[in-house]
Amino acid sequence: MENIGENIRKIRILLDVKQAVMAKMLNLSVNFYGKIERNEVEIKPERLRQIAKIFEVDLKYIINFRLFLESLKYNPLKKD
């Protein structure tokens, strides 16, 4: 099963967005946002939609990180 919090963290890092920026945009503390990325709290569907909107990605990419990588023109995991 995919680790949603870890997927959020990976996408955030690839998009070069800081945790503090995400927390502010979601109206959360940085500490609580970190718990989301560490899967220490339940992520409600509405919060997932907010995160996808901030990242400007389809929700399916947060649920399945491999799909996100495949959507990129440059995919470091793709074998030629």
PDB file of N, CA and C in Angstrom:
ATOM      1  N   MET A   1       0.845  -1.190   0.000  1.00  0.00           N
ATOM      2  CA  MET A   1       0.000   0.000   0.000  1.00  0.00           C
ATOM      3  C   MET A   1       0.887   1.249   0.000  1.00  0.00           C
ATOM      4  N   GLU A   2       0.464   2.236  -0.744  1.00  0.00           N
ATOM      5  CA  GLU A   2       1.220   3.482  -0.846  1.00  0.00           C
ATOM      6  C   GLU A   2       1.190   4.240   0.487  1.00  0.00           C
ATOM      7  N   ASN A   3       2.274   4.890   0.787  1.00  0.00           N
ATOM      8  CA  ASN A   3       2.367   5.743   1.955  1.00  0.00           C
ATOM      9  C   ASN A   3       2.066   7.166   1.493  1.00  0.00           C
ATOM     10  N   ILE A   4       0.860   7.618   1.717  1.00  0.00           N
ATOM     11  CA  ILE A   4       0.398   8.910   1.202  1.00  0.00           C
ATOM     12  C   ILE A   4       1.263  10.064   1.719  1.00  0.00           C
ATOM     13  N   GLY A   5       1.552  10.061   3.005  1.00  0.00           N
ATOM     14  CA  GLY A   5       2.373  11.126   3.571  1.00  0.00           C
ATOM     15  C   GLY A   5       3.745  11.191   2.930  1.00  0.00           C
ATOM     16  N   GLU A   6       4.344  10.026   2.719  1.00  0.00           N
ATOM     17  CA  GLU A   6       5.657   9.966   2.069  1.00  0.00           C
ATOM     18  C   GLU A   6       5.562  10.466   0.630  1.00  0.00           C
ATOM     19  N   ASN A   7       4.484  10.120  -0.057  1.00  0.00           N
ATOM     20  CA  ASN A   7       4.285  10.603  -1.429  1.00  0.00           C
ATOM     21  C   ASN A   7       4.182  12.125  -1.458  1.00  0.00           C
ATOM     22  N   ILE A   8       3.458  12.683  -0.501  1.00  0.00           N
ATOM     23  CA  ILE A   8       3.329  14.141  -0.416  1.00  0.00           C
ATOM     24  C   ILE A   8       4.709  14.764  -0.223  1.00  0.00           C
ATOM     25  N   ARG A   9       5.498  14.187   0.667  1.00  0.00           N
ATOM     26  CA  ARG A   9       6.846  14.700   0.925  1.00  0.00           C
ATOM     27  C   ARG A   9       7.708  14.643  -0.335  1.00  0.00           C
ATOM     28  N   LYS A  10       7.672  13.513  -1.037  1.00  0.00           N
ATOM     29  CA  LYS A  10       8.488  13.360  -2.248  1.00  0.00           C
ATOM     30  C   LYS A  10       8.095  14.381  -3.317  1.00  0.00           C
ATOM     31  N   ILE A  11       6.795  14.553  -3.516  1.00  0.00           N
ATOM     32  CA  ILE A  11       6.332  15.519  -4.526  1.00  0.00           C
ATOM     33  C   ILE A  11       6.721  16.933  -4.114  1.00  0.00           C
ATOM     34  N   ARG A  12       6.534  17.243  -2.833  1.00  0.00           N
ATOM     35  CA  ARG A  12       6.891  18.584  -2.339  1.00  0.00           C
ATOM     36  C   ARG A  12       8.368  18.877  -2.593  1.00  0.00           C
ATOM     37  N   ILE A  13       9.216  17.904  -2.314  1.00  0.00           N
ATOM     38  CA  ILE A  13      10.655  18.091  -2.515  1.00  0.00           C
ATOM     39  C   ILE A  13      10.974  18.249  -3.999  1.00  0.00           C
ATOM     40  N   LEU A  14      10.375  17.413  -4.838  1.00  0.00           N
ATOM     41  CA  LEU A  14      10.617  17.525  -6.279  1.00  0.00           C
ATOM     42  C   LEU A  14      10.169  18.874  -6.835  1.00  0.00           C
ATOM     43  N   LEU A  15       9.105  19.420  -6.254  1.00  0.00           N
ATOM     44  CA  LEU A  15       8.597  20.717  -6.704  1.00  0.00           C
ATOM     45  C   LEU A  15       9.300  21.885  -6.007  1.00  0.00           C
ATOM     46  N   ASP A  16      10.227  21.562  -5.112  1.00  0.00           N
ATOM     47  CA  ASP A  16      11.017  22.561  -4.394  1.00  0.00           C
ATOM     48  C   ASP A  16      10.139  23.508  -3.577  1.00  0.00           C
ATOM     49  N   VAL A  17       9.235  22.914  -2.819  1.00  0.00           N
ATOM     50  CA  VAL A  17       8.350  23.679  -1.938  1.00  0.00           C
ATOM     51  C   VAL A  17       8.740  23.348  -0.496  1.00  0.00           C
ATOM     52  N   LYS A  18       8.898  24.343   0.319  1.00  0.00           N
ATOM     53  CA  LYS A  18       9.277  24.150   1.720  1.00  0.00           C
ATOM     54  C   LYS A  18       8.065  23.740   2.559  1.00  0.00           C
ATOM     55  N   GLN A  19       8.332  22.988   3.629  1.00  0.00           N
ATOM     56  CA  GLN A  19       7.260  22.590   4.541  1.00  0.00           C
ATOM     57  C   GLN A  19       6.535  23.809   5.097  1.00  0.00           C
ATOM     58  N   ALA A  20       7.269  24.842   5.434  1.00  0.00           N
ATOM     59  CA  ALA A  20       6.654  26.046   6.004  1.00  0.00           C
ATOM     60  C   ALA A  20       5.673  26.685   5.033  1.00  0.00           C
ATOM     61  N   VAL A  21       5.995  26.652   3.756  1.00  0.00           N
ATOM     62  CA  VAL A  21       5.097  27.209   2.734  1.00  0.00           C
ATOM     63  C   VAL A  21       3.827  26.374   2.657  1.00  0.00           C
ATOM     64  N   MET A  22       3.988  25.055   2.640  1.00  0.00           N
ATOM     65  CA  MET A  22       2.811  24.174   2.596  1.00  0.00           C
ATOM     66  C   MET A  22       1.932  24.397   3.820  1.00  0.00           C
ATOM     67  N   ALA A  23       2.557  24.432   4.987  1.00  0.00           N
ATOM     68  CA  ALA A  23       1.798  24.622   6.222  1.00  0.00           C
ATOM     69  C   ALA A  23       1.002  25.922   6.172  1.00  0.00           C
ATOM     70  N   LYS A  24       1.635  26.987   5.723  1.00  0.00           N
ATOM     71  CA  LYS A  24       0.954  28.282   5.646  1.00  0.00           C
ATOM     72  C   LYS A  24      -0.217  28.230   4.670  1.00  0.00           C
ATOM     73  N   MET A  25      -0.009  27.617   3.504  1.00  0.00           N
ATOM     74  CA  MET A  25      -1.075  27.547   2.500  1.00  0.00           C
ATOM     75  C   MET A  25      -2.249  26.692   2.967  1.00  0.00           C
ATOM     76  N   LEU A  26      -1.963  25.726   3.842  1.00  0.00           N
ATOM     77  CA  LEU A  26      -3.016  24.851   4.368  1.00  0.00           C
ATOM     78  C   LEU A  26      -3.568  25.352   5.701  1.00  0.00           C
ATOM     79  N   ASN A  27      -3.025  26.489   6.184  1.00  0.00           N
ATOM     80  CA  ASN A  27      -3.429  27.061   7.468  1.00  0.00           C
ATOM     81  C   ASN A  27      -3.183  26.069   8.613  1.00  0.00           C
ATOM     82  N   LEU A  28      -1.991  25.465   8.597  1.00  0.00           N
ATOM     83  CA  LEU A  28      -1.591  24.498   9.615  1.00  0.00           C
ATOM     84  C   LEU A  28      -0.272  24.943  10.232  1.00  0.00           C
ATOM     85  N   SER A  29       0.034  24.392  11.392  1.00  0.00           N
ATOM     86  CA  SER A  29       1.373  24.608  11.939  1.00  0.00           C
ATOM     87  C   SER A  29       2.354  23.740  11.152  1.00  0.00           C
ATOM     88  N   VAL A  30       3.610  24.145  11.145  1.00  0.00           N
ATOM     89  CA  VAL A  30       4.636  23.354  10.467  1.00  0.00           C
ATOM     90  C   VAL A  30       4.733  21.984  11.135  1.00  0.00           C
ATOM     91  N   ASN A  31       4.594  21.956  12.449  1.00  0.00           N
ATOM     92  CA  ASN A  31       4.647  20.696  13.188  1.00  0.00           C
ATOM     93  C   ASN A  31       3.546  19.737  12.721  1.00  0.00           C
ATOM     94  N   PHE A  32       2.323  20.241  12.600  1.00  0.00           N
ATOM     95  CA  PHE A  32       1.217  19.376  12.174  1.00  0.00           C
ATOM     96  C   PHE A  32       1.409  18.937  10.724  1.00  0.00           C
ATOM     97  N   TYR A  33       1.865  19.844   9.877  1.00  0.00           N
ATOM     98  CA  TYR A  33       2.111  19.468   8.486  1.00  0.00           C
ATOM     99  C   TYR A  33       3.159  18.355   8.412  1.00  0.00           C
ATOM    100  N   GLY A  34       4.192  18.448   9.233  1.00  0.00           N
ATOM    101  CA  GLY A  34       5.210  17.397   9.287  1.00  0.00           C
ATOM    102  C   GLY A  34       4.611  16.059   9.665  1.00  0.00           C
ATOM    103  N   LYS A  35       3.634  16.077  10.562  1.00  0.00           N
ATOM    104  CA  LYS A  35       2.954  14.834  10.951  1.00  0.00           C
ATOM    105  C   LYS A  35       2.197  14.231   9.773  1.00  0.00           C
ATOM    106  N   ILE A  36       1.662  15.077   8.907  1.00  0.00           N
ATOM    107  CA  ILE A  36       0.988  14.580   7.698  1.00  0.00           C
ATOM    108  C   ILE A  36       1.997  13.825   6.844  1.00  0.00           C
ATOM    109  N   GLU A  37       3.153  14.424   6.619  1.00  0.00           N
ATOM    110  CA  GLU A  37       4.167  13.790   5.773  1.00  0.00           C
ATOM    111  C   GLU A  37       4.720  12.510   6.398  1.00  0.00           C
ATOM    112  N   ARG A  38       4.714  12.436   7.720  1.00  0.00           N
ATOM    113  CA  ARG A  38       5.203  11.235   8.404  1.00  0.00           C
ATOM    114  C   ARG A  38       4.098  10.209   8.637  1.00  0.00           C
ATOM    115  N   ASN A  39       2.899  10.500   8.139  1.00  0.00           N
ATOM    116  CA  ASN A  39       1.742   9.606   8.298  1.00  0.00           C
ATOM    117  C   ASN A  39       1.381   9.381   9.763  1.00  0.00           C
ATOM    118  N   GLU A  40       1.569  10.382  10.582  1.00  0.00           N
ATOM    119  CA  GLU A  40       1.254  10.276  12.002  1.00  0.00           C
ATOM    120  C   GLU A  40      -0.171  10.720  12.309  1.00  0.00           C
ATOM    121  N   VAL A  41      -0.827  11.324  11.339  1.00  0.00           N
ATOM    122  CA  VAL A  41      -2.219  11.748  11.501  1.00  0.00           C
ATOM    123  C   VAL A  41      -3.006  11.297  10.278  1.00  0.00           C
ATOM    124  N   GLU A  42      -4.294  11.136  10.466  1.00  0.00           N
ATOM    125  CA  GLU A  42      -5.160  10.769   9.342  1.00  0.00           C
ATOM    126  C   GLU A  42      -5.299  11.972   8.408  1.00  0.00           C
ATOM    127  N   ILE A  43      -5.169  11.705   7.119  1.00  0.00           N
ATOM    128  CA  ILE A  43      -5.324  12.773   6.128  1.00  0.00           C
ATOM    129  C   ILE A  43      -6.715  12.642   5.523  1.00  0.00           C
ATOM    130  N   LYS A  44      -7.550  13.614   5.787  1.00  0.00           N
ATOM    131  CA  LYS A  44      -8.922  13.576   5.269  1.00  0.00           C
ATOM    132  C   LYS A  44      -8.929  13.870   3.771  1.00  0.00           C
ATOM    133  N   PRO A  45      -9.923  13.335   3.065  1.00  0.00           N
ATOM    134  CA  PRO A  45      -9.999  13.537   1.608  1.00  0.00           C
ATOM    135  C   PRO A  45      -9.946  15.007   1.186  1.00  0.00           C
ATOM    136  N   GLU A  46     -10.603  15.875   1.924  1.00  0.00           N
ATOM    137  CA  GLU A  46     -10.591  17.300   1.561  1.00  0.00           C
ATOM    138  C   GLU A  46      -9.180  17.881   1.658  1.00  0.00           C
ATOM    139  N   ARG A  47      -8.431  17.461   2.673  1.00  0.00           N
ATOM    140  CA  ARG A  47      -7.051  17.933   2.834  1.00  0.00           C
ATOM    141  C   ARG A  47      -6.190  17.430   1.666  1.00  0.00           C
ATOM    142  N   LEU A  48      -6.407  16.187   1.250  1.00  0.00           N
ATOM    143  CA  LEU A  48      -5.673  15.653   0.091  1.00  0.00           C
ATOM    144  C   LEU A  48      -5.967  16.472  -1.161  1.00  0.00           C
ATOM    145  N   ARG A  49      -7.223  16.857  -1.334  1.00  0.00           N
ATOM    146  CA  ARG A  49      -7.593  17.679  -2.494  1.00  0.00           C
ATOM    147  C   ARG A  49      -6.908  19.045  -2.430  1.00  0.00           C
ATOM    148  N   GLN A  50      -6.829  19.618  -1.231  1.00  0.00           N
ATOM    149  CA  GLN A  50      -6.146  20.911  -1.064  1.00  0.00           C
ATOM    150  C   GLN A  50      -4.668  20.794  -1.446  1.00  0.00           C
ATOM    151  N   ILE A  51      -4.035  19.727  -0.988  1.00  0.00           N
ATOM    152  CA  ILE A  51      -2.615  19.524  -1.274  1.00  0.00           C
ATOM    153  C   ILE A  51      -2.402  19.338  -2.771  1.00  0.00           C
ATOM    154  N   ALA A  52      -3.253  18.541  -3.398  1.00  0.00           N
ATOM    155  CA  ALA A  52      -3.147  18.329  -4.850  1.00  0.00           C
ATOM    156  C   ALA A  52      -3.302  19.654  -5.592  1.00  0.00           C
ATOM    157  N   LYS A  53      -4.214  20.491  -5.131  1.00  0.00           N
ATOM    158  CA  LYS A  53      -4.432  21.793  -5.773  1.00  0.00           C
ATOM    159  C   LYS A  53      -3.194  22.682  -5.629  1.00  0.00           C
ATOM    160  N   ILE A  54      -2.597  22.693  -4.451  1.00  0.00           N
ATOM    161  CA  ILE A  54      -1.384  23.487  -4.235  1.00  0.00           C
ATOM    162  C   ILE A  54      -0.263  22.998  -5.150  1.00  0.00           C
ATOM    163  N   PHE A  55      -0.111  21.682  -5.251  1.00  0.00           N
ATOM    164  CA  PHE A  55       0.923  21.102  -6.114  1.00  0.00           C
ATOM    165  C   PHE A  55       0.574  21.214  -7.598  1.00  0.00           C
ATOM    166  N   GLU A  56      -0.691  21.535  -7.880  1.00  0.00           N
ATOM    167  CA  GLU A  56      -1.198  21.582  -9.256  1.00  0.00           C
ATOM    168  C   GLU A  56      -1.027  20.231  -9.947  1.00  0.00           C
ATOM    169  N   VAL A  57      -1.417  19.176  -9.215  1.00  0.00           N
ATOM    170  CA  VAL A  57      -1.375  17.819  -9.761  1.00  0.00           C
ATOM    171  C   VAL A  57      -2.712  17.140  -9.502  1.00  0.00           C
ATOM    172  N   ASP A  58      -2.983  16.117 -10.267  1.00  0.00           N
ATOM    173  CA  ASP A  58      -4.165  15.301 -10.049  1.00  0.00           C
ATOM    174  C   ASP A  58      -3.983  14.518  -8.749  1.00  0.00           C
ATOM    175  N   LEU A  59      -5.054  14.312  -8.033  1.00  0.00           N
ATOM    176  CA  LEU A  59      -5.015  13.580  -6.770  1.00  0.00           C
ATOM    177  C   LEU A  59      -4.398  12.195  -6.929  1.00  0.00           C
ATOM    178  N   LYS A  60      -4.579  11.573  -8.084  1.00  0.00           N
ATOM    179  CA  LYS A  60      -4.040  10.222  -8.298  1.00  0.00           C
ATOM    180  C   LYS A  60      -2.524  10.195  -8.162  1.00  0.00           C
ATOM    181  N   TYR A  61      -1.855  11.316  -8.424  1.00  0.00           N
ATOM    182  CA  TYR A  61      -0.400  11.359  -8.305  1.00  0.00           C
ATOM    183  C   TYR A  61       0.058  11.369  -6.851  1.00  0.00           C
ATOM    184  N   ILE A  62      -0.769  11.872  -5.970  1.00  0.00           N
ATOM    185  CA  ILE A  62      -0.441  11.835  -4.545  1.00  0.00           C
ATOM    186  C   ILE A  62      -0.662  10.424  -4.006  1.00  0.00           C
ATOM    187  N   ILE A  63      -1.674   9.774  -4.520  1.00  0.00           N
ATOM    188  CA  ILE A  63      -1.974   8.412  -4.082  1.00  0.00           C
ATOM    189  C   ILE A  63      -0.960   7.420  -4.644  1.00  0.00           C
ATOM    190  N   ASN A  64      -0.509   7.643  -5.875  1.00  0.00           N
ATOM    191  CA  ASN A  64       0.426   6.730  -6.532  1.00  0.00           C
ATOM    192  C   ASN A  64       1.613   7.531  -7.067  1.00  0.00           C
ATOM    193  N   PHE A  65       2.700   7.541  -6.305  1.00  0.00           N
ATOM    194  CA  PHE A  65       3.870   8.346  -6.659  1.00  0.00           C
ATOM    195  C   PHE A  65       4.495   7.909  -7.979  1.00  0.00           C
ATOM    196  N   ARG A  66       4.466   6.634  -8.278  1.00  0.00           N
ATOM    197  CA  ARG A  66       5.036   6.149  -9.541  1.00  0.00           C
ATOM    198  C   ARG A  66       4.325   6.804 -10.728  1.00  0.00           C
ATOM    199  N   LEU A  67       3.013   6.971 -10.635  1.00  0.00           N
ATOM    200  CA  LEU A  67       2.282   7.663 -11.704  1.00  0.00           C
ATOM    201  C   LEU A  67       2.784   9.094 -11.863  1.00  0.00           C
ATOM    202  N   PHE A  68       3.074   9.737 -10.739  1.00  0.00           N
ATOM    203  CA  PHE A  68       3.605  11.100 -10.799  1.00  0.00           C
ATOM    204  C   PHE A  68       4.927  11.114 -11.554  1.00  0.00           C
ATOM    205  N   LEU A  69       5.820  10.195 -11.210  1.00  0.00           N
ATOM    206  CA  LEU A  69       7.112  10.137 -11.900  1.00  0.00           C
ATOM    207  C   LEU A  69       6.935   9.864 -13.384  1.00  0.00           C
ATOM    208  N   GLU A  70       6.021   8.968 -13.714  1.00  0.00           N
ATOM    209  CA  GLU A  70       5.785   8.644 -15.120  1.00  0.00           C
ATOM    210  C   GLU A  70       5.218   9.830 -15.890  1.00  0.00           C
ATOM    211  N   SER A  71       4.561  10.740 -15.181  1.00  0.00           N
ATOM    212  CA  SER A  71       3.982  11.914 -15.840  1.00  0.00           C
ATOM    213  C   SER A  71       5.038  12.967 -16.173  1.00  0.00           C
ATOM    214  N   LEU A  72       6.186  12.866 -15.546  1.00  0.00           N
ATOM    215  CA  LEU A  72       7.257  13.830 -15.784  1.00  0.00           C
ATOM    216  C   LEU A  72       7.990  13.499 -17.074  1.00  0.00           C
ATOM    217  N   LYS A  73       8.458  14.520 -17.742  1.00  0.00           N
ATOM    218  CA  LYS A  73       9.245  14.278 -18.957  1.00  0.00           C
ATOM    219  C   LYS A  73      10.547  13.588 -18.597  1.00  0.00           C
ATOM    220  N   TYR A  74      11.166  14.025 -17.493  1.00  0.00           N
ATOM    221  CA  TYR A  74      12.392  13.387 -17.024  1.00  0.00           C
ATOM    222  C   TYR A  74      12.022  12.505 -15.851  1.00  0.00           C
ATOM    223  N   ASN A  75      12.257  11.235 -15.989  1.00  0.00           N
ATOM    224  CA  ASN A  75      11.938  10.287 -14.938  1.00  0.00           C
ATOM    225  C   ASN A  75      13.208   9.526 -14.584  1.00  0.00           C
ATOM    226  N   PRO A  76      13.806   9.808 -13.432  1.00  0.00           N
ATOM    227  CA  PRO A  76      15.059   9.146 -13.073  1.00  0.00           C
ATOM    228  C   PRO A  76      14.921   7.638 -12.880  1.00  0.00           C
ATOM    229  N   LEU A  77      13.716   7.147 -12.697  1.00  0.00           N
ATOM    230  CA  LEU A  77      13.506   5.715 -12.497  1.00  0.00           C
ATOM    231  C   LEU A  77      13.170   4.978 -13.783  1.00  0.00           C
ATOM    232  N   LYS A  78      12.903   5.722 -14.846  1.00  0.00           N
ATOM    233  CA  LYS A  78      12.493   5.094 -16.102  1.00  0.00           C
ATOM    234  C   LYS A  78      13.696   4.489 -16.808  1.00  0.00           C
ATOM    235  N   LYS A  79      13.534   3.246 -17.222  1.00  0.00           N
ATOM    236  CA  LYS A  79      14.604   2.561 -17.944  1.00  0.00           C
ATOM    237  C   LYS A  79      14.416   2.788 -19.435  1.00  0.00           C
ATOM    238  N   ASP A  80      15.503   3.140 -20.109  1.00  0.00           N
ATOM    239  CA  ASP A  80      15.447   3.372 -21.559  1.00  0.00           C
ATOM    240  C   ASP A  80      15.534   2.074 -22.323  1.00  0.00           C
TER     241      ASP A  80
END
